[in-house]
Amino acid sequence: MLASARLDEARRHARDLAPALGKLLDQQGWKARDLDAVFVSRGPGSYTGLRVGIVSAKTLAYATGCVLLGIDTFAAIALQAPAEAVRIDVLEDAHQGRVYVQSFKNDAETPWTATNALSIQRLDDWLTDRDVSAWITGPGVRAYSSRLSGKLCVVPANDWHPRAESLLALGLPRYLASEHDDPWTLEPLYLRPSAAEEQRKNQG
């Protein structure tokens, strides 16, 4: 990592993202055409945030001809778990008492690999069926903090969101293996329509 920047969450990311990227390139004395690859977190997460980030990454890759790689957000968050954790559940708020959830395990041969597919579950169902030995992490922990107290092992709050270093750790091996995603077909990982899309469907 040579440099990083965090956008102000109170400001409009669609407006601030391109200038922030330009500033980071200037700091290294690079032009956009010097890029070899762009890695982007593909979700799950905020619908608007994912769309802004992924469209920006796709546009950048198309304009410069660099490699585009979409990285699963939950896999990046799992990498940030403390060393003493062996199993972990990553959560994101899916609203209406539901969570996006995916489980990961850590061992010497395959560090932090997914043990199941990403799914949407009712929070109550997940709490009933979860592996009690697993730590929990992810943005959904804050959304349901009042329900996730007690004897649960919770990752520190500063590790609930993916960091650029984690995206790099997952993306670089794929890039070196000559993998790439198609800028025309890469989509955010939602699993379900947004609230606006569901409302429009119901009205139709």
Protein backbone atom coordinates (compact mmCIF):
# COMPACT_ATOMS: atom_id res chain seq x y z
CA MET A 1 0.00 0.00 0.00
CA LEU A 2 1.43 3.33 -1.08
CA ALA A 3 -1.50 5.57 -0.18
CA SER A 4 -5.19 5.49 0.68
CA ALA A 5 -8.03 7.95 1.18
CA ARG A 6 -11.32 7.73 3.06
CA LEU A 7 -14.28 9.73 1.82
CA ASP A 8 -16.35 11.76 4.25
CA GLU A 9 -19.46 9.65 4.93
CA ALA A 10 -21.54 12.82 5.33
CA ARG A 11 -20.74 13.97 1.78
CA ARG A 12 -21.85 12.71 -1.61
CA HIS A 13 -19.50 9.93 -2.72
CA ALA A 14 -20.59 10.21 -6.35
CA ARG A 15 -19.21 13.76 -6.37
CA ASP A 16 -16.07 13.13 -4.29
CA LEU A 17 -14.82 9.77 -5.58
CA ALA A 18 -13.25 10.89 -8.88
CA PRO A 19 -11.39 13.89 -7.38
CA ALA A 20 -10.09 11.70 -4.54
CA LEU A 21 -8.81 9.15 -7.06
CA GLY A 22 -7.17 11.90 -9.09
CA LYS A 23 -5.41 13.19 -5.98
CA LEU A 24 -4.08 9.72 -5.12
CA LEU A 25 -2.72 9.30 -8.65
CA ASP A 26 -1.08 12.74 -8.53
CA GLN A 27 0.63 11.87 -5.25
CA GLN A 28 2.38 8.95 -6.99
CA GLY A 29 3.10 10.89 -10.17
CA TRP A 30 0.85 8.53 -12.13
CA LYS A 31 -1.68 9.02 -14.89
CA ALA A 32 -4.83 6.91 -15.04
CA ARG A 33 -3.42 5.13 -18.10
CA ASP A 34 -0.53 3.87 -15.92
CA LEU A 35 -2.89 1.63 -13.92
CA ASP A 36 -2.55 -2.14 -14.30
CA ALA A 37 -5.73 -3.08 -12.43
CA VAL A 38 -8.60 -1.74 -10.38
CA PHE A 39 -10.15 -3.79 -7.56
CA VAL A 40 -13.64 -2.92 -6.33
CA SER A 41 -15.74 -4.26 -3.47
CA ARG A 42 -18.90 -5.76 -5.00
CA GLY A 43 -21.08 -6.20 -1.95
CA PRO A 44 -23.33 -6.85 -0.29
CA GLY A 45 -23.76 -3.37 1.14
CA SER A 46 -25.43 -0.04 0.49
CA TYR A 47 -27.24 -0.17 -2.85
CA THR A 48 -26.27 3.37 -3.84
CA GLY A 49 -22.71 3.05 -2.57
CA LEU A 50 -22.13 -0.19 -4.46
CA ARG A 51 -23.56 1.24 -7.67
CA VAL A 52 -21.39 4.35 -7.47
CA GLY A 53 -18.24 2.38 -6.67
CA ILE A 54 -18.75 -0.35 -9.26
CA VAL A 55 -19.79 1.98 -12.07
CA SER A 56 -16.75 4.16 -11.32
CA ALA A 57 -14.43 1.12 -11.36
CA LYS A 58 -15.96 -0.22 -14.58
CA THR A 59 -15.64 3.16 -16.28
CA LEU A 60 -12.03 3.51 -15.18
CA ALA A 61 -11.14 0.03 -16.40
CA TYR A 62 -12.89 0.59 -19.74
CA ALA A 63 -11.28 4.00 -20.30
CA THR A 64 -7.74 2.90 -19.45
CA GLY A 65 -7.82 -0.73 -20.59
CA CYS A 66 -6.67 -1.96 -17.17
CA VAL A 67 -7.87 -5.17 -15.52
CA LEU A 68 -11.07 -5.04 -13.46
CA LEU A 69 -11.62 -7.39 -10.51
CA GLY A 70 -14.68 -7.42 -8.24
CA ILE A 71 -13.91 -8.56 -4.69
CA ASP A 72 -16.52 -10.07 -2.36
CA THR A 73 -16.98 -7.65 0.51
CA PHE A 74 -17.57 -10.31 3.15
CA ALA A 75 -14.38 -12.17 2.20
CA ALA A 76 -12.40 -8.95 2.72
CA ILE A 77 -14.03 -8.37 6.11
CA ALA A 78 -13.28 -11.95 7.20
CA LEU A 79 -9.56 -11.35 6.59
CA GLN A 80 -9.63 -8.71 9.30
CA ALA A 81 -10.69 -11.10 12.05
CA PRO A 82 -8.42 -11.43 15.11
CA ALA A 83 -5.83 -14.20 15.15
CA GLU A 84 -7.63 -16.14 17.89
CA ALA A 85 -10.80 -16.52 15.81
CA VAL A 86 -11.19 -19.82 13.93
CA ARG A 87 -14.73 -19.36 12.62
CA ILE A 88 -16.54 -16.14 11.83
CA ASP A 89 -19.96 -14.97 10.65
CA VAL A 90 -20.04 -11.76 8.61
CA LEU A 91 -23.27 -9.73 8.80
CA GLU A 92 -24.82 -6.84 6.88
CA ASP A 93 -28.21 -5.31 7.49
CA ALA A 94 -30.80 -6.52 4.93
CA HIS A 95 -33.54 -4.49 6.68
CA GLN A 96 -36.90 -5.59 8.06
CA GLY A 97 -35.26 -7.80 10.68
CA ARG A 98 -33.12 -9.66 8.15
CA VAL A 99 -29.37 -9.94 7.61
CA TYR A 100 -27.01 -10.86 4.84
CA VAL A 101 -24.80 -13.55 6.38
CA GLN A 102 -21.90 -15.74 5.33
CA SER A 103 -19.62 -17.95 7.41
CA PHE A 104 -15.87 -18.40 7.06
CA LYS A 105 -13.27 -20.65 8.67
CA ASN A 106 -9.56 -20.17 9.15
CA ASP A 107 -6.92 -22.88 9.01
CA ALA A 108 -3.26 -23.11 8.05
CA GLU A 109 -3.80 -24.47 4.54
CA THR A 110 -6.76 -22.33 3.48
CA PRO A 111 -7.01 -19.13 5.52
CA TRP A 112 -10.49 -17.63 5.76
CA THR A 113 -12.44 -19.59 3.21
CA ALA A 114 -16.23 -19.46 2.94
CA THR A 115 -18.06 -22.46 4.38
CA ASN A 116 -21.42 -21.60 2.81
CA ALA A 117 -22.98 -19.33 0.22
CA LEU A 118 -24.01 -15.78 0.99
CA SER A 119 -27.66 -15.73 2.05
CA ILE A 120 -30.37 -13.53 3.53
CA GLN A 121 -31.86 -14.79 6.79
CA ARG A 122 -34.17 -13.52 9.46
CA LEU A 123 -32.02 -12.35 12.35
CA ASP A 124 -33.95 -14.57 14.77
CA ASP A 125 -33.36 -17.65 12.59
CA TRP A 126 -29.65 -16.93 12.30
CA LEU A 127 -29.32 -16.45 16.07
CA THR A 128 -31.07 -19.78 16.66
CA ASP A 129 -29.08 -21.82 14.14
CA ARG A 130 -25.64 -20.20 14.23
CA ASP A 131 -22.41 -21.94 15.25
CA VAL A 132 -21.94 -20.68 18.80
CA SER A 133 -18.15 -20.92 18.46
CA ALA A 134 -18.08 -18.39 15.61
CA TRP A 135 -17.12 -14.77 16.12
CA ILE A 136 -19.31 -12.15 14.47
CA THR A 137 -18.33 -9.09 12.44
CA GLY A 138 -19.54 -6.81 9.67
CA PRO A 139 -21.62 -3.63 9.35
CA GLY A 140 -24.73 -5.51 10.45
CA VAL A 141 -23.34 -5.80 13.97
CA ARG A 142 -23.95 -2.09 14.53
CA ALA A 143 -27.44 -2.22 13.02
CA TYR A 144 -28.51 -4.98 15.44
CA SER A 145 -26.21 -4.25 18.38
CA SER A 146 -29.08 -4.46 20.87
CA ARG A 147 -29.76 -8.06 19.77
CA LEU A 148 -26.15 -9.17 19.63
CA SER A 149 -25.11 -8.77 23.24
CA GLY A 150 -24.30 -11.36 25.86
CA LYS A 151 -21.76 -14.12 25.32
CA LEU A 152 -21.18 -13.55 21.60
CA CYS A 153 -17.57 -12.99 20.53
CA VAL A 154 -17.61 -9.76 18.52
CA VAL A 155 -14.73 -8.48 16.37
CA PRO A 156 -13.62 -4.91 17.30
CA ALA A 157 -15.71 -2.25 15.57
CA ASN A 158 -12.84 -0.82 13.50
CA ASP A 159 -12.70 -4.13 11.61
CA TRP A 160 -16.39 -4.32 10.67
CA HIS A 161 -15.90 -2.62 7.29
CA PRO A 162 -13.52 -3.76 4.51
CA ARG A 163 -10.23 -1.93 4.24
CA ALA A 164 -8.25 -1.28 1.06
CA GLU A 165 -5.49 -3.58 2.32
CA SER A 166 -7.94 -6.48 2.50
CA LEU A 167 -9.20 -5.89 -1.04
CA LEU A 168 -5.58 -5.80 -2.20
CA ALA A 169 -4.77 -9.05 -0.38
CA LEU A 170 -7.63 -10.81 -2.18
CA GLY A 171 -7.32 -9.11 -5.54
CA LEU A 172 -3.57 -9.27 -6.13
CA PRO A 173 -3.30 -13.09 -6.33
CA ARG A 174 -6.18 -13.11 -8.81
CA TYR A 175 -4.53 -10.42 -10.89
CA LEU A 176 -1.20 -12.29 -10.88
CA ALA A 177 -3.08 -15.40 -12.01
CA SER A 178 -4.35 -13.37 -15.02
CA GLU A 179 -7.96 -13.35 -13.82
CA HIS A 180 -10.27 -10.49 -14.74
CA ASP A 181 -13.94 -9.50 -14.71
CA ASP A 182 -15.82 -8.11 -17.68
CA PRO A 183 -16.55 -4.38 -17.27
CA TRP A 184 -19.79 -4.88 -19.21
CA THR A 185 -21.20 -7.64 -17.01
CA LEU A 186 -19.82 -7.13 -13.47
CA GLU A 187 -22.74 -6.39 -11.16
CA PRO A 188 -23.13 -5.59 -7.45
CA LEU A 189 -23.87 -8.55 -5.19
CA TYR A 190 -27.38 -7.79 -3.93
CA LEU A 191 -29.32 -11.10 -3.71
CA ARG A 192 -32.56 -9.11 -3.69
CA PRO A 193 -34.02 -5.95 -5.29
CA SER A 194 -33.73 -2.62 -3.54
CA ALA A 195 -36.72 -1.26 -1.61
CA ALA A 196 -37.52 1.09 -4.50
CA GLU A 197 -37.39 -1.78 -7.00
CA GLU A 198 -39.64 -3.94 -4.82
CA GLN A 199 -42.13 -1.08 -4.46
CA ARG A 200 -42.19 -0.51 -8.21
CA LYS A 201 -42.74 -4.23 -8.81
CA ASN A 202 -45.63 -4.32 -6.36
CA GLN A 203 -47.21 -1.28 -8.00
CA GLY A 204 -46.92 -2.92 -11.42
